[in-house]
Each structure stands twice: as C-alpha cells, then as structure tokens.
Amino acid sequence: MPTPFSKLTDLCRALEATRKRTEKSHIIAEFLRILDAEEVAPAVLLVVGQVFPEFDSRTLEVGWSTMKRVLDKGRQTTLLREPLT
C-alpha cells in the first residue's frame, strides 16, 4: 500500500521540532523503514528539498497560481510515481 504524503509532512514536522543531529538521523531512519522500496528514492529527494536528482536537468516550471490551487485543495497524495491529479 502506498505511503500517504501526510507521513512525509509528519516527518518534516518532527525534524523541525529538534535541533539534535542524532535524533534527526533516527527520525529519518524510522521513516525510511516504513516505506516500500520504490518509495525510498523519491522520499529522500523530497526530504533534502529536491524533486529530481542532481544529474537530472529537468525543472518543474510550476508557477505560483498552480501552487496556490494545489495548496487550496489540500488533497493527499502518495510518494509513488503516479500523476498528481
């Protein structure tokens, strides 16, 4: 079963709540353990603030109006490579 995107937001909140590096490592490790194998790579990219790997020259080209529409809907997605519709 795909991991709900809300789990990633929970992870980010937990990371934000601590300044201890070892605790952050533990929190991230626990999160990665619950993921399916195909979810690990995209989750790691999102945790480090990227969407594509460094060697990938693609960009999202997403404007503010698109982001606002998505944020206003507040729909939950998953970490799999399925279209975000």
Protein backbone atom coordinates (compact mmCIF):
# COMPACT_ATOMS: atom_id res chain seq x y z
CA MET A 1 0.00 0.00 0.00
CA PRO A 2 1.40 3.44 -0.92
CA THR A 3 2.60 5.63 1.92
CA PRO A 4 0.36 8.68 2.44
CA PHE A 5 2.08 12.00 1.75
CA SER A 6 0.95 13.06 5.22
CA LYS A 7 3.64 10.73 6.64
CA LEU A 8 6.26 12.88 4.90
CA THR A 9 4.76 16.02 6.39
CA ASP A 10 4.79 14.36 9.82
CA LEU A 11 8.49 13.60 9.26
CA CYS A 12 9.22 17.22 8.36
CA ARG A 13 7.42 18.46 11.46
CA ALA A 14 9.37 16.04 13.66
CA LEU A 15 12.65 17.17 12.08
CA GLU A 16 11.71 20.79 12.60
CA ALA A 17 10.98 20.12 16.27
CA THR A 18 14.52 19.04 17.12
CA ARG A 19 17.99 20.51 16.74
CA LYS A 20 19.83 17.30 17.63
CA ARG A 21 21.55 15.72 14.65
CA THR A 22 21.47 12.20 16.05
CA GLU A 23 17.76 12.49 16.77
CA LYS A 24 17.15 13.75 13.24
CA SER A 25 19.07 10.77 11.85
CA HIS A 26 16.97 8.42 13.96
CA ILE A 27 13.69 10.08 12.85
CA ILE A 28 14.67 9.85 9.17
CA ALA A 29 15.78 6.22 9.53
CA GLU A 30 12.48 5.26 11.16
CA PHE A 31 10.57 6.99 8.37
CA LEU A 32 12.56 5.25 5.63
CA ARG A 33 11.92 1.85 7.23
CA ILE A 34 8.15 2.16 6.74
CA LEU A 35 8.43 2.92 3.02
CA ASP A 36 8.12 0.45 0.18
CA ALA A 37 11.37 0.03 -1.75
CA GLU A 38 10.19 2.12 -4.73
CA GLU A 39 9.23 5.00 -2.43
CA VAL A 40 12.64 5.46 -0.82
CA ALA A 41 14.37 7.40 -3.63
CA PRO A 42 11.59 9.98 -4.17
CA ALA A 43 11.16 10.37 -0.41
CA VAL A 44 14.87 11.06 0.10
CA LEU A 45 14.81 13.67 -2.66
CA LEU A 46 11.84 15.40 -1.04
CA VAL A 47 13.45 15.32 2.40
CA VAL A 48 16.55 17.08 1.04
CA GLY A 49 14.36 19.60 -0.80
CA GLN A 50 14.67 18.36 -4.37
CA VAL A 51 12.29 16.79 -6.83
CA PHE A 52 14.82 15.45 -9.32
CA PRO A 53 18.32 14.02 -8.72
CA GLU A 54 21.25 16.43 -9.19
CA PHE A 55 22.24 14.84 -12.51
CA ASP A 56 18.75 15.43 -13.94
CA SER A 57 18.41 18.77 -15.75
CA ARG A 58 14.61 18.81 -15.72
CA THR A 59 12.76 21.57 -13.88
CA LEU A 60 9.16 21.70 -12.75
CA GLU A 61 8.27 25.08 -14.28
CA VAL A 62 5.41 25.45 -11.79
CA GLY A 63 4.07 28.94 -11.24
CA TRP A 64 2.58 30.43 -8.09
CA SER A 65 -1.03 30.17 -9.35
CA THR A 66 -0.64 26.40 -9.81
CA MET A 67 0.89 26.01 -6.36
CA LYS A 68 -1.91 28.08 -4.82
CA ARG A 69 -4.56 25.91 -6.49
CA VAL A 70 -2.91 22.74 -5.20
CA LEU A 71 -2.50 24.11 -1.69
CA ASP A 72 -6.10 25.30 -1.57
CA LYS A 73 -7.41 21.84 -2.47
CA GLY A 74 -5.35 20.18 0.26
CA ARG A 75 -5.62 16.74 -1.29
CA GLN A 76 -3.45 13.95 -0.02
CA THR A 77 -1.17 12.15 -2.46
CA THR A 78 1.29 9.32 -2.16
CA LEU A 79 5.02 9.01 -2.71
CA LEU A 80 4.65 6.79 -5.78
CA ARG A 81 5.25 7.90 -9.37
CA GLU A 82 1.59 8.31 -10.16
CA PRO A 83 0.15 11.51 -11.66
CA LEU A 84 -0.82 14.10 -9.06
CA THR A 85 -4.41 14.75 -10.11
